[in-house]
Amino acid sequence: MMADDPLTEGPDPNSKPVGRAQGIYGSAGQNELALIMAMNFDFTDGIYNGSCISLLGKNPAMNPVREMPIVGGTGLFRFARGYAIAQTYWLDVTTGDAIVGYNVTVAH
């Protein structure tokens, strides 16, 4: 699947947009619902405008909280390394739509 989703300050869909979450993901688990994700958090607002953070890793989607690696970035995040803690706030299993929060810690 391809993704080009709004990146907002908080989990409320009406919170301030700060960029786009763009990338790809696909099934990665035989015994669990897991995704392999290659995702860029592309910032379009504020001091990070034009910069991005790159995430690459396995997302065991049914775990309430999961950790994935940050493997790089561009602009102000050039040479970024770190981790993202993901938490699902809302999921519609019929459509696959979800609101996921990412708490990202990076050194750059």
C-alpha atoms as a PDB file:
ATOM      1  CA  MET A   1       0.000   0.000   0.000  1.00  0.00           C
ATOM      2  CA  MET A   2       1.052   3.566  -0.609  1.00  0.00           C
ATOM      3  CA  ALA A   3       0.504   6.294   1.965  1.00  0.00           C
ATOM      4  CA  ASP A   4       0.247  10.060   1.641  1.00  0.00           C
ATOM      5  CA  ASP A   5      -1.536  11.076   4.821  1.00  0.00           C
ATOM      6  CA  PRO A   6      -1.845  14.278   6.852  1.00  0.00           C
ATOM      7  CA  LEU A   7       0.784  14.803   9.547  1.00  0.00           C
ATOM      8  CA  THR A   8      -0.712  16.865  12.379  1.00  0.00           C
ATOM      9  CA  GLU A   9       0.432  18.182  15.751  1.00  0.00           C
ATOM     10  CA  GLY A  10      -1.871  15.811  17.624  1.00  0.00           C
ATOM     11  CA  PRO A  11      -4.267  12.894  17.187  1.00  0.00           C
ATOM     12  CA  ASP A  12      -7.313  15.126  16.659  1.00  0.00           C
ATOM     13  CA  PRO A  13      -7.950  15.218  12.878  1.00  0.00           C
ATOM     14  CA  ASN A  14      -8.650  18.952  13.256  1.00  0.00           C
ATOM     15  CA  SER A  15      -5.286  19.703  14.915  1.00  0.00           C
ATOM     16  CA  LYS A  16      -2.780  21.870  13.066  1.00  0.00           C
ATOM     17  CA  PRO A  17      -1.291  20.250   9.928  1.00  0.00           C
ATOM     18  CA  VAL A  18       2.530  20.257   9.941  1.00  0.00           C
ATOM     19  CA  GLY A  19       3.287  18.006   6.952  1.00  0.00           C
ATOM     20  CA  ARG A  20       2.623  14.707   5.246  1.00  0.00           C
ATOM     21  CA  ALA A  21       3.344  11.075   6.195  1.00  0.00           C
ATOM     22  CA  GLN A  22       4.398   9.558   2.879  1.00  0.00           C
ATOM     23  CA  GLY A  23       5.653   6.074   2.133  1.00  0.00           C
ATOM     24  CA  ILE A  24       4.838   2.422   1.632  1.00  0.00           C
ATOM     25  CA  TYR A  25       3.818  -0.490   3.820  1.00  0.00           C
ATOM     26  CA  GLY A  26       2.954  -4.120   3.334  1.00  0.00           C
ATOM     27  CA  SER A  27       2.190  -7.295   5.249  1.00  0.00           C
ATOM     28  CA  ALA A  28       5.167  -8.660   7.190  1.00  0.00           C
ATOM     29  CA  GLY A  29       3.828 -11.284   9.579  1.00  0.00           C
ATOM     30  CA  GLN A  30       2.707 -14.895   9.248  1.00  0.00           C
ATOM     31  CA  ASN A  31       1.466 -15.236  12.843  1.00  0.00           C
ATOM     32  CA  GLU A  32       0.513 -11.634  13.635  1.00  0.00           C
ATOM     33  CA  LEU A  33      -0.812  -8.515  11.937  1.00  0.00           C
ATOM     34  CA  ALA A  34       2.443  -6.712  11.219  1.00  0.00           C
ATOM     35  CA  LEU A  35       3.551  -4.257   8.565  1.00  0.00           C
ATOM     36  CA  ILE A  36       6.942  -3.454   7.126  1.00  0.00           C
ATOM     37  CA  MET A  37       7.025   0.326   6.774  1.00  0.00           C
ATOM     38  CA  ALA A  38       9.199   2.764   4.849  1.00  0.00           C
ATOM     39  CA  MET A  39       7.791   6.174   5.770  1.00  0.00           C
ATOM     40  CA  ASN A  40       8.907   9.794   5.544  1.00  0.00           C
ATOM     41  CA  PHE A  41       7.510  12.403   7.877  1.00  0.00           C
ATOM     42  CA  ASP A  42       7.769  15.374   5.487  1.00  0.00           C
ATOM     43  CA  PHE A  43       7.399  18.710   7.276  1.00  0.00           C
ATOM     44  CA  THR A  44       5.729  21.660   5.514  1.00  0.00           C
ATOM     45  CA  ASP A  45       5.347  24.125   8.398  1.00  0.00           C
ATOM     46  CA  GLY A  46       7.490  26.063  10.832  1.00  0.00           C
ATOM     47  CA  ILE A  47      11.246  25.768  11.271  1.00  0.00           C
ATOM     48  CA  TYR A  48      11.231  22.167   9.962  1.00  0.00           C
ATOM     49  CA  ASN A  49       9.583  23.148   6.638  1.00  0.00           C
ATOM     50  CA  GLY A  50      11.366  21.272   3.848  1.00  0.00           C
ATOM     51  CA  SER A  51      12.937  18.701   6.196  1.00  0.00           C
ATOM     52  CA  CYS A  52      11.934  15.090   6.720  1.00  0.00           C
ATOM     53  CA  ILE A  53      12.521  12.173   9.085  1.00  0.00           C
ATOM     54  CA  SER A  54      12.718   8.633   7.636  1.00  0.00           C
ATOM     55  CA  LEU A  55      11.321   5.584   9.443  1.00  0.00           C
ATOM     56  CA  LEU A  56      12.035   2.010   8.309  1.00  0.00           C
ATOM     57  CA  GLY A  57      10.993  -1.090  10.203  1.00  0.00           C
ATOM     58  CA  LYS A  58       8.435  -3.647  11.310  1.00  0.00           C
ATOM     59  CA  ASN A  59       5.226  -2.360  12.866  1.00  0.00           C
ATOM     60  CA  PRO A  60       3.385  -5.061  14.866  1.00  0.00           C
ATOM     61  CA  ALA A  61       0.128  -3.184  14.375  1.00  0.00           C
ATOM     62  CA  MET A  62      -1.980  -4.911  17.049  1.00  0.00           C
ATOM     63  CA  ASN A  63       0.433  -4.075  19.878  1.00  0.00           C
ATOM     64  CA  PRO A  64      -0.890  -1.049  21.784  1.00  0.00           C
ATOM     65  CA  VAL A  65       2.544   0.612  21.650  1.00  0.00           C
ATOM     66  CA  ARG A  66       5.380  -0.255  19.272  1.00  0.00           C
ATOM     67  CA  GLU A  67       8.910   0.975  18.560  1.00  0.00           C
ATOM     68  CA  MET A  68      10.456   1.480  15.119  1.00  0.00           C
ATOM     69  CA  PRO A  69      13.838   2.855  14.015  1.00  0.00           C
ATOM     70  CA  ILE A  70      14.479   6.279  12.547  1.00  0.00           C
ATOM     71  CA  VAL A  71      17.159   5.679   9.914  1.00  0.00           C
ATOM     72  CA  GLY A  72      17.807   9.127   8.467  1.00  0.00           C
ATOM     73  CA  GLY A  73      16.459  12.447   7.408  1.00  0.00           C
ATOM     74  CA  THR A  74      16.956  15.521   5.254  1.00  0.00           C
ATOM     75  CA  GLY A  75      17.308  19.244   5.823  1.00  0.00           C
ATOM     76  CA  LEU A  76      17.510  20.025   9.533  1.00  0.00           C
ATOM     77  CA  PHE A  77      17.278  16.272  10.204  1.00  0.00           C
ATOM     78  CA  ARG A  78      20.245  15.284   8.006  1.00  0.00           C
ATOM     79  CA  PHE A  79      22.005  12.213   9.478  1.00  0.00           C
ATOM     80  CA  ALA A  80      19.128  11.668  11.934  1.00  0.00           C
ATOM     81  CA  ARG A  81      19.126   8.459  13.979  1.00  0.00           C
ATOM     82  CA  GLY A  82      16.662   7.486  16.659  1.00  0.00           C
ATOM     83  CA  TYR A  83      13.375   5.764  17.296  1.00  0.00           C
ATOM     84  CA  ALA A  84       9.641   6.307  16.982  1.00  0.00           C
ATOM     85  CA  ILE A  85       7.086   5.069  19.490  1.00  0.00           C
ATOM     86  CA  ALA A  86       3.764   4.494  17.702  1.00  0.00           C
ATOM     87  CA  GLN A  87       0.371   4.316  19.390  1.00  0.00           C
ATOM     88  CA  THR A  88      -2.968   3.747  17.645  1.00  0.00           C
ATOM     89  CA  TYR A  89      -5.657   6.182  18.799  1.00  0.00           C
ATOM     90  CA  TRP A  90      -8.431   5.061  16.450  1.00  0.00           C
ATOM     91  CA  LEU A  91      -8.888   2.212  13.965  1.00  0.00           C
ATOM     92  CA  ASP A  92     -11.726   1.314  11.594  1.00  0.00           C
ATOM     93  CA  VAL A  93     -11.110  -2.367  10.803  1.00  0.00           C
ATOM     94  CA  THR A  94     -13.627  -2.258   7.935  1.00  0.00           C
ATOM     95  CA  THR A  95     -11.852   0.474   5.960  1.00  0.00           C
ATOM     96  CA  GLY A  96      -8.349   0.173   7.419  1.00  0.00           C
ATOM     97  CA  ASP A  97      -8.373   3.875   8.301  1.00  0.00           C
ATOM     98  CA  ALA A  98      -6.500   4.752  11.468  1.00  0.00           C
ATOM     99  CA  ILE A  99      -5.162   7.616  13.541  1.00  0.00           C
ATOM    100  CA  VAL A 100      -1.678   6.771  14.794  1.00  0.00           C
ATOM    101  CA  GLY A 101       0.501   8.953  16.987  1.00  0.00           C
ATOM    102  CA  TYR A 102       4.283   8.857  16.632  1.00  0.00           C
ATOM    103  CA  ASN A 103       6.493  10.118  19.458  1.00  0.00           C
ATOM    104  CA  VAL A 104       9.878  10.516  17.749  1.00  0.00           C
ATOM    105  CA  THR A 105      13.269  10.916  19.414  1.00  0.00           C
ATOM    106  CA  VAL A 106      16.177  11.759  17.102  1.00  0.00           C
ATOM    107  CA  ALA A 107      19.806  12.778  17.290  1.00  0.00           C
ATOM    108  CA  HIS A 108      20.905  14.783  14.244  1.00  0.00           C
END
